[in-house]
Amino acid sequence: LELREQEETQGGSFLGTTLRVNIQ
């Protein structure tokens, strides 16, 4: 339905902005 474009735009938008680091 009308969420098609919104979902395709938002999907995976966080890639490359964060990095997991072990607390140790």
PDB file of all heavy atoms in Angstrom:
ATOM      1  N   LEU A   1       0.824  -1.197   0.000  1.00  0.00           N
ATOM      2  CA  LEU A   1       0.000   0.000   0.000  1.00  0.00           C
ATOM      3  C   LEU A   1       0.864   1.254   0.000  1.00  0.00           C
ATOM      4  O   LEU A   1       1.912   1.311  -0.622  1.00  0.00           O
ATOM      5  CB  LEU A   1      -0.947  -0.032   1.209  1.00  0.00           C
ATOM      6  CG  LEU A   1      -1.941  -1.224   1.191  1.00  0.00           C
ATOM      7  CD1 LEU A   1      -2.796  -1.194   2.427  1.00  0.00           C
ATOM      8  CD2 LEU A   1      -2.797  -1.221  -0.056  1.00  0.00           C
ATOM      9  N   GLU A   2       0.409   2.292   0.745  1.00  0.00           N
ATOM     10  CA  GLU A   2       1.115   3.561   0.667  1.00  0.00           C
ATOM     11  C   GLU A   2       2.422   3.575   1.437  1.00  0.00           C
ATOM     12  O   GLU A   2       3.169   4.537   1.372  1.00  0.00           O
ATOM     13  CB  GLU A   2       0.223   4.704   1.189  1.00  0.00           C
ATOM     14  CG  GLU A   2      -0.136   4.571   2.655  1.00  0.00           C
ATOM     15  CD  GLU A   2      -1.442   3.835   2.836  1.00  0.00           C
ATOM     16  OE1 GLU A   2      -1.799   3.035   1.974  1.00  0.00           O
ATOM     17  OE2 GLU A   2      -2.108   4.094   3.853  1.00  0.00           O
ATOM     18  N   LEU A   3       2.727   2.499   2.195  1.00  0.00           N
ATOM     19  CA  LEU A   3       3.971   2.450   2.930  1.00  0.00           C
ATOM     20  C   LEU A   3       5.126   1.944   2.077  1.00  0.00           C
ATOM     21  O   LEU A   3       6.254   1.882   2.532  1.00  0.00           O
ATOM     22  CB  LEU A   3       3.832   1.515   4.146  1.00  0.00           C
ATOM     23  CG  LEU A   3       2.909   2.013   5.247  1.00  0.00           C
ATOM     24  CD1 LEU A   3       2.820   0.987   6.344  1.00  0.00           C
ATOM     25  CD2 LEU A   3       3.416   3.322   5.805  1.00  0.00           C
ATOM     26  N   ARG A   4       4.862   1.574   0.820  1.00  0.00           N
ATOM     27  CA  ARG A   4       5.887   0.976  -0.021  1.00  0.00           C
ATOM     28  C   ARG A   4       7.124   1.872  -0.126  1.00  0.00           C
ATOM     29  O   ARG A   4       8.236   1.466   0.164  1.00  0.00           O
ATOM     30  CB  ARG A   4       5.315   0.705  -1.413  1.00  0.00           C
ATOM     31  CG  ARG A   4       6.320   0.059  -2.353  1.00  0.00           C
ATOM     32  CD  ARG A   4       5.708  -0.096  -3.726  1.00  0.00           C
ATOM     33  NE  ARG A   4       4.477  -0.837  -3.677  1.00  0.00           N
ATOM     34  CZ  ARG A   4       4.432  -2.177  -3.752  1.00  0.00           C
ATOM     35  NH1 ARG A   4       5.558  -2.864  -3.868  1.00  0.00           N
ATOM     36  NH2 ARG A   4       3.286  -2.804  -3.720  1.00  0.00           N
ATOM     37  N   GLU A   5       6.936   3.131  -0.556  1.00  0.00           N
ATOM     38  CA  GLU A   5       8.078   4.005  -0.755  1.00  0.00           C
ATOM     39  C   GLU A   5       8.779   4.308   0.557  1.00  0.00           C
ATOM     40  O   GLU A   5       9.997   4.362   0.634  1.00  0.00           O
ATOM     41  CB  GLU A   5       7.633   5.314  -1.419  1.00  0.00           C
ATOM     42  CG  GLU A   5       7.144   5.113  -2.847  1.00  0.00           C
ATOM     43  CD  GLU A   5       6.788   6.440  -3.478  1.00  0.00           C
ATOM     44  OE1 GLU A   5       6.976   7.472  -2.800  1.00  0.00           O
ATOM     45  OE2 GLU A   5       6.343   6.443  -4.635  1.00  0.00           O
ATOM     46  N   GLN A   6       7.992   4.478   1.626  1.00  0.00           N
ATOM     47  CA  GLN A   6       8.571   4.798   2.924  1.00  0.00           C
ATOM     48  C   GLN A   6       9.470   3.665   3.396  1.00  0.00           C
ATOM     49  O   GLN A   6      10.580   3.898   3.868  1.00  0.00           O
ATOM     50  CB  GLN A   6       7.452   5.018   3.955  1.00  0.00           C
ATOM     51  CG  GLN A   6       7.972   5.238   5.370  1.00  0.00           C
ATOM     52  CD  GLN A   6       6.838   5.322   6.365  1.00  0.00           C
ATOM     53  OE1 GLN A   6       5.681   5.457   5.993  1.00  0.00           O
ATOM     54  NE2 GLN A   6       7.172   5.213   7.623  1.00  0.00           N
ATOM     55  N   GLU A   7       9.038   2.424   3.258  1.00  0.00           N
ATOM     56  CA  GLU A   7       9.819   1.287   3.722  1.00  0.00           C
ATOM     57  C   GLU A   7      11.074   1.115   2.894  1.00  0.00           C
ATOM     58  O   GLU A   7      12.139   0.813   3.413  1.00  0.00           O
ATOM     59  CB  GLU A   7       8.970   0.016   3.668  1.00  0.00           C
ATOM     60  CG  GLU A   7       7.828   0.058   4.661  1.00  0.00           C
ATOM     61  CD  GLU A   7       7.070  -1.242   4.681  1.00  0.00           C
ATOM     62  OE1 GLU A   7       7.522  -2.195   4.025  1.00  0.00           O
ATOM     63  OE2 GLU A   7       6.024  -1.298   5.337  1.00  0.00           O
ATOM     64  N   GLU A   8      10.963   1.311   1.578  1.00  0.00           N
ATOM     65  CA  GLU A   8      12.127   1.136   0.730  1.00  0.00           C
ATOM     66  C   GLU A   8      13.167   2.214   1.009  1.00  0.00           C
ATOM     67  O   GLU A   8      14.373   1.988   0.917  1.00  0.00           O
ATOM     68  CB  GLU A   8      11.715   1.182  -0.742  1.00  0.00           C
ATOM     69  CG  GLU A   8      10.891  -0.041  -1.164  1.00  0.00           C
ATOM     70  CD  GLU A   8      10.450   0.053  -2.607  1.00  0.00           C
ATOM     71  OE1 GLU A   8      10.594   1.144  -3.191  1.00  0.00           O
ATOM     72  OE2 GLU A   8       9.969  -0.945  -3.152  1.00  0.00           O
ATOM     73  N   THR A   9      12.696   3.413   1.376  1.00  0.00           N
ATOM     74  CA  THR A   9      13.607   4.510   1.679  1.00  0.00           C
ATOM     75  C   THR A   9      14.308   4.303   3.005  1.00  0.00           C
ATOM     76  O   THR A   9      15.507   4.535   3.142  1.00  0.00           O
ATOM     77  CB  THR A   9      12.826   5.851   1.719  1.00  0.00           C
ATOM     78  OG1 THR A   9      12.216   6.048   0.450  1.00  0.00           O
ATOM     79  CG2 THR A   9      13.775   6.997   2.021  1.00  0.00           C
ATOM     80  N   GLN A  10      13.556   3.824   4.016  1.00  0.00           N
ATOM     81  CA  GLN A  10      14.112   3.707   5.354  1.00  0.00           C
ATOM     82  C   GLN A  10      14.957   2.460   5.533  1.00  0.00           C
ATOM     83  O   GLN A  10      15.823   2.410   6.389  1.00  0.00           O
ATOM     84  CB  GLN A  10      12.980   3.680   6.393  1.00  0.00           C
ATOM     85  CG  GLN A  10      12.252   5.004   6.488  1.00  0.00           C
ATOM     86  CD  GLN A  10      11.141   4.936   7.501  1.00  0.00           C
ATOM     87  OE1 GLN A  10      10.816   3.879   8.013  1.00  0.00           O
ATOM     88  NE2 GLN A  10      10.542   6.078   7.790  1.00  0.00           N
ATOM     89  N   GLY A  11      14.725   1.419   4.769  1.00  0.00           N
ATOM     90  CA  GLY A  11      15.404   0.154   4.969  1.00  0.00           C
ATOM     91  C   GLY A  11      16.914   0.295   4.921  1.00  0.00           C
ATOM     92  O   GLY A  11      17.496   0.772   3.972  1.00  0.00           O
ATOM     93  N   GLY A  12      17.588  -0.170   5.972  1.00  0.00           N
ATOM     94  CA  GLY A  12      19.044  -0.195   6.001  1.00  0.00           C
ATOM     95  C   GLY A  12      19.701   1.166   6.105  1.00  0.00           C
ATOM     96  O   GLY A  12      20.881   1.301   5.816  1.00  0.00           O
ATOM     97  N   SER A  13      18.973   2.201   6.516  1.00  0.00           N
ATOM     98  CA  SER A  13      19.519   3.553   6.530  1.00  0.00           C
ATOM     99  C   SER A  13      20.616   3.734   7.569  1.00  0.00           C
ATOM    100  O   SER A  13      21.360   4.689   7.528  1.00  0.00           O
ATOM    101  CB  SER A  13      18.406   4.572   6.801  1.00  0.00           C
ATOM    102  OG  SER A  13      17.792   4.312   8.048  1.00  0.00           O
ATOM    103  N   PHE A  14      20.718   2.788   8.537  1.00  0.00           N
ATOM    104  CA  PHE A  14      21.703   2.943   9.600  1.00  0.00           C
ATOM    105  C   PHE A  14      23.058   2.384   9.214  1.00  0.00           C
ATOM    106  O   PHE A  14      24.023   2.533   9.950  1.00  0.00           O
ATOM    107  CB  PHE A  14      21.209   2.213  10.866  1.00  0.00           C
ATOM    108  CG  PHE A  14      21.110   0.726  10.684  1.00  0.00           C
ATOM    109  CD1 PHE A  14      22.180  -0.096  11.000  1.00  0.00           C
ATOM    110  CD2 PHE A  14      19.969   0.167  10.176  1.00  0.00           C
ATOM    111  CE1 PHE A  14      22.095  -1.455  10.814  1.00  0.00           C
ATOM    112  CE2 PHE A  14      19.884  -1.196  10.000  1.00  0.00           C
ATOM    113  CZ  PHE A  14      20.942  -2.007  10.308  1.00  0.00           C
ATOM    114  N   LEU A  15      23.169   1.724   8.074  1.00  0.00           N
ATOM    115  CA  LEU A  15      24.417   1.073   7.702  1.00  0.00           C
ATOM    116  C   LEU A  15      25.549   2.097   7.609  1.00  0.00           C
ATOM    117  O   LEU A  15      25.407   3.150   7.017  1.00  0.00           O
ATOM    118  CB  LEU A  15      24.255   0.333   6.371  1.00  0.00           C
ATOM    119  CG  LEU A  15      23.294  -0.856   6.397  1.00  0.00           C
ATOM    120  CD1 LEU A  15      23.182  -1.452   5.014  1.00  0.00           C
ATOM    121  CD2 LEU A  15      23.778  -1.906   7.385  1.00  0.00           C
ATOM    122  N   GLY A  16      26.693   1.742   8.173  1.00  0.00           N
ATOM    123  CA  GLY A  16      27.866   2.594   8.066  1.00  0.00           C
ATOM    124  C   GLY A  16      27.941   3.705   9.098  1.00  0.00           C
ATOM    125  O   GLY A  16      28.904   4.455   9.117  1.00  0.00           O
ATOM    126  N   THR A  17      26.956   3.826   9.978  1.00  0.00           N
ATOM    127  CA  THR A  17      26.971   4.912  10.964  1.00  0.00           C
ATOM    128  C   THR A  17      27.351   4.429  12.350  1.00  0.00           C
ATOM    129  O   THR A  17      27.615   5.248  13.223  1.00  0.00           O
ATOM    130  CB  THR A  17      25.590   5.591  11.041  1.00  0.00           C
ATOM    131  OG1 THR A  17      24.621   4.633  11.483  1.00  0.00           O
ATOM    132  CG2 THR A  17      25.185   6.127   9.675  1.00  0.00           C
ATOM    133  N   THR A  18      27.354   3.130  12.585  1.00  0.00           N
ATOM    134  CA  THR A  18      27.681   2.595  13.904  1.00  0.00           C
ATOM    135  C   THR A  18      28.648   1.428  13.763  1.00  0.00           C
ATOM    136  O   THR A  18      28.738   0.795  12.715  1.00  0.00           O
ATOM    137  CB  THR A  18      26.421   2.109  14.648  1.00  0.00           C
ATOM    138  OG1 THR A  18      25.779   1.087  13.862  1.00  0.00           O
ATOM    139  CG2 THR A  18      25.450   3.252  14.892  1.00  0.00           C
ATOM    140  N   LEU A  19      29.347   1.146  14.871  1.00  0.00           N
ATOM    141  CA  LEU A  19      30.290   0.036  14.903  1.00  0.00           C
ATOM    142  C   LEU A  19      30.254  -0.580  16.290  1.00  0.00           C
ATOM    143  O   LEU A  19      30.375   0.127  17.293  1.00  0.00           O
ATOM    144  CB  LEU A  19      31.706   0.539  14.590  1.00  0.00           C
ATOM    145  CG  LEU A  19      32.832  -0.499  14.649  1.00  0.00           C
ATOM    146  CD1 LEU A  19      32.655  -1.523  13.529  1.00  0.00           C
ATOM    147  CD2 LEU A  19      34.187   0.180  14.536  1.00  0.00           C
ATOM    148  N   ARG A  20      30.079  -1.899  16.369  1.00  0.00           N
ATOM    149  CA  ARG A  20      30.061  -2.583  17.660  1.00  0.00           C
ATOM    150  C   ARG A  20      31.494  -2.821  18.130  1.00  0.00           C
ATOM    151  O   ARG A  20      32.335  -3.292  17.385  1.00  0.00           O
ATOM    152  CB  ARG A  20      29.342  -3.928  17.549  1.00  0.00           C
ATOM    153  CG  ARG A  20      27.864  -3.804  17.258  1.00  0.00           C
ATOM    154  CD  ARG A  20      27.199  -5.151  17.402  1.00  0.00           C
ATOM    155  NE  ARG A  20      25.822  -5.062  16.960  1.00  0.00           N
ATOM    156  CZ  ARG A  20      25.424  -5.275  15.730  1.00  0.00           C
ATOM    157  NH1 ARG A  20      26.298  -5.620  14.807  1.00  0.00           N
ATOM    158  NH2 ARG A  20      24.166  -5.170  15.395  1.00  0.00           N
ATOM    159  N   VAL A  21      31.743  -2.513  19.393  1.00  0.00           N
ATOM    160  CA  VAL A  21      33.059  -2.723  19.978  1.00  0.00           C
ATOM    161  C   VAL A  21      32.892  -3.493  21.279  1.00  0.00           C
ATOM    162  O   VAL A  21      32.096  -3.109  22.137  1.00  0.00           O
ATOM    163  CB  VAL A  21      33.773  -1.373  20.252  1.00  0.00           C
ATOM    164  CG1 VAL A  21      35.130  -1.620  20.901  1.00  0.00           C
ATOM    165  CG2 VAL A  21      33.935  -0.579  18.967  1.00  0.00           C
ATOM    166  N   ASN A  22      33.650  -4.559  21.432  1.00  0.00           N
ATOM    167  CA  ASN A  22      33.611  -5.340  22.657  1.00  0.00           C
ATOM    168  C   ASN A  22      34.081  -4.475  23.824  1.00  0.00           C
ATOM    169  O   ASN A  22      35.087  -3.755  23.717  1.00  0.00           O
ATOM    170  CB  ASN A  22      34.511  -6.569  22.503  1.00  0.00           C
ATOM    171  CG  ASN A  22      34.345  -7.545  23.660  1.00  0.00           C
ATOM    172  OD1 ASN A  22      34.646  -7.229  24.796  1.00  0.00           O
ATOM    173  ND2 ASN A  22      33.856  -8.737  23.351  1.00  0.00           N
ATOM    174  N   ILE A  23      33.370  -4.557  24.948  1.00  0.00           N
ATOM    175  CA  ILE A  23      33.693  -3.723  26.097  1.00  0.00           C
ATOM    176  C   ILE A  23      35.093  -4.017  26.604  1.00  0.00           C
ATOM    177  O   ILE A  23      35.783  -3.142  27.144  1.00  0.00           O
ATOM    178  CB  ILE A  23      32.644  -3.917  27.228  1.00  0.00           C
ATOM    179  CG1 ILE A  23      32.832  -2.866  28.334  1.00  0.00           C
ATOM    180  CG2 ILE A  23      32.715  -5.326  27.791  1.00  0.00           C
ATOM    181  CD1 ILE A  23      32.557  -1.468  27.893  1.00  0.00           C
ATOM    182  N   GLN A  24      35.582  -5.256  26.440  1.00  0.00           N
ATOM    183  CA  GLN A  24      36.936  -5.596  26.870  1.00  0.00           C
ATOM    184  C   GLN A  24      37.982  -4.843  26.048  1.00  0.00           C
ATOM    185  O   GLN A  24      39.039  -4.477  26.566  1.00  0.00           O
ATOM    186  CB  GLN A  24      37.156  -7.104  26.756  1.00  0.00           C
ATOM    187  CG  GLN A  24      36.311  -7.911  27.743  1.00  0.00           C
ATOM    188  CD  GLN A  24      36.521  -9.403  27.600  1.00  0.00           C
ATOM    189  OE1 GLN A  24      37.058  -9.875  26.596  1.00  0.00           O
ATOM    190  NE2 GLN A  24      36.103 -10.155  28.600  1.00  0.00           N
TER     191      GLN A  24
END
